[in-house]
Amino acid sequence: MRVLVLVKATHDSERDSIPKAEMDEMMEEMGKFNEELVEAGIMKAGDCDGLTPSSQGKRVAFDGSGRSVIDGPFVATSELVAGFWFWTVKDMDEAVAWVKRCPNPMPSRSEVEIRPIA
């Protein structure tokens, strides 16, 4: 089973306000976790550094044949993605077990979403 694992954004990640020392420690812990995923044959792709805040992004809105560009930042922080992985697991239970082993990707409360790939 292939899954997309999404690290949800927080107000801290959107403000890019996580102190450097704290960010360095979190990235070191996440790097170790990523190594475990690779060694176990779970991780197929992912971002090692996380995504930039949505203020640096753009969206393209489609309306029939029309296209319009929307500049970030995007307001619904809880609906934004701060990082991702593509994993291959035997089932959703295995994906959940791996996510539970993940270090907290943010300095405060955060969420990770798991979605099967069709």
Protein backbone atom coordinates (compact mmCIF):
# COMPACT_ATOMS: atom_id res chain seq x y z
CA MET A 1 0.00 0.00 0.00
CA ARG A 2 1.34 3.43 -0.94
CA VAL A 3 0.54 6.39 1.31
CA LEU A 4 1.20 10.09 1.36
CA VAL A 5 2.09 11.27 4.86
CA LEU A 6 1.45 14.98 5.37
CA VAL A 7 2.95 17.08 8.17
CA LYS A 8 0.36 19.76 8.78
CA ALA A 9 1.48 23.39 9.13
CA THR A 10 1.19 25.32 12.38
CA HIS A 11 1.25 29.02 13.18
CA ASP A 12 4.96 28.64 14.07
CA SER A 13 5.86 27.00 10.75
CA GLU A 14 3.85 29.60 8.81
CA ARG A 15 5.57 32.48 10.62
CA ASP A 16 8.93 30.76 10.16
CA SER A 17 9.48 31.65 13.83
CA ILE A 18 10.96 28.46 15.26
CA PRO A 19 14.26 29.37 16.95
CA LYS A 20 17.32 28.10 15.05
CA ALA A 21 18.65 25.92 17.90
CA GLU A 22 15.25 24.29 18.35
CA MET A 23 14.88 23.83 14.58
CA ASP A 24 18.34 22.27 14.33
CA GLU A 25 17.49 19.78 17.10
CA MET A 26 14.14 18.91 15.50
CA MET A 27 15.79 18.42 12.09
CA GLU A 28 18.44 16.15 13.60
CA GLU A 29 15.76 13.98 15.25
CA MET A 30 13.74 13.92 12.02
CA GLY A 31 16.87 12.97 10.05
CA LYS A 32 17.37 9.94 12.30
CA PHE A 33 13.72 8.97 11.84
CA ASN A 34 14.05 9.33 8.07
CA GLU A 35 17.09 7.02 8.14
CA GLU A 36 15.01 4.41 10.00
CA LEU A 37 12.28 4.71 7.37
CA VAL A 38 14.77 4.25 4.52
CA GLU A 39 16.50 1.29 6.22
CA ALA A 40 13.10 -0.38 6.75
CA GLY A 41 12.23 0.13 3.06
CA ILE A 42 9.25 2.34 4.00
CA MET A 43 10.24 5.78 2.70
CA LYS A 44 10.24 6.14 -1.07
CA ALA A 45 10.48 9.94 -1.23
CA GLY A 46 10.07 12.93 1.01
CA ASP A 47 11.32 16.36 1.86
CA CYS A 48 14.29 16.44 4.20
CA ASP A 49 14.01 20.12 5.11
CA GLY A 50 10.27 20.74 5.15
CA LEU A 51 8.40 23.20 2.99
CA THR A 52 8.70 26.98 3.20
CA PRO A 53 5.81 28.99 4.67
CA SER A 54 2.82 29.53 2.38
CA SER A 55 3.77 33.23 2.13
CA GLN A 56 6.40 32.05 -0.35
CA GLY A 57 3.91 29.98 -2.37
CA LYS A 58 1.33 30.50 -5.06
CA ARG A 59 -1.88 28.75 -6.05
CA VAL A 60 -3.38 28.55 -9.50
CA ALA A 61 -7.19 28.64 -9.48
CA PHE A 62 -9.05 26.96 -12.34
CA ASP A 63 -12.47 28.10 -13.54
CA GLY A 64 -13.36 26.40 -16.81
CA SER A 65 -10.73 27.57 -19.27
CA GLY A 66 -9.70 30.50 -17.04
CA ARG A 67 -6.69 30.52 -14.74
CA SER A 68 -5.78 32.97 -12.00
CA VAL A 69 -2.79 33.10 -9.69
CA ILE A 70 -3.25 33.59 -5.95
CA ASP A 71 -0.21 34.70 -3.95
CA GLY A 72 0.39 33.32 -0.45
CA PRO A 73 0.16 33.46 2.45
CA PHE A 74 -2.92 31.27 2.70
CA VAL A 75 -5.12 31.80 5.74
CA ALA A 76 -6.32 28.35 6.82
CA THR A 77 -3.08 27.28 8.52
CA SER A 78 -4.54 23.99 9.75
CA GLU A 79 -5.24 23.03 6.12
CA LEU A 80 -1.68 23.72 4.91
CA VAL A 81 1.16 21.24 4.52
CA ALA A 82 4.59 21.86 6.05
CA GLY A 83 6.23 18.61 4.91
CA PHE A 84 5.55 15.23 3.33
CA TRP A 85 6.70 11.65 2.72
CA PHE A 86 5.73 8.96 0.23
CA TRP A 87 5.78 5.57 1.95
CA THR A 88 5.11 1.99 1.00
CA VAL A 89 3.59 0.02 3.87
CA LYS A 90 1.65 -3.24 4.15
CA ASP A 91 -1.48 -1.48 5.46
CA MET A 92 -2.81 1.61 7.21
CA ASP A 93 -2.02 0.12 10.63
CA GLU A 94 1.67 -0.04 9.73
CA ALA A 95 1.60 3.57 8.51
CA VAL A 96 -0.02 4.69 11.77
CA ALA A 97 2.57 2.76 13.79
CA TRP A 98 5.42 4.52 11.95
CA VAL A 99 3.84 7.96 12.37
CA LYS A 100 3.46 7.32 16.11
CA ARG A 101 7.24 6.75 16.25
CA CYS A 102 7.92 10.06 14.49
CA PRO A 103 9.41 12.89 16.54
CA ASN A 104 7.00 15.80 16.89
CA PRO A 105 7.67 17.79 13.70
CA MET A 106 6.77 21.09 15.39
CA PRO A 107 7.77 22.66 18.72
CA SER A 108 4.15 22.56 19.91
CA ARG A 109 0.98 20.58 19.13
CA SER A 110 0.99 19.30 15.58
CA GLU A 111 -0.76 16.77 13.34
CA VAL A 112 0.37 14.32 10.68
CA GLU A 113 -2.18 13.09 8.15
CA ILE A 114 -1.93 9.75 6.30
CA ARG A 115 -3.68 9.36 2.95
CA PRO A 116 -3.69 6.23 0.78
CA ILE A 117 -2.59 6.84 -2.81
CA ALA A 118 -5.22 5.69 -5.32
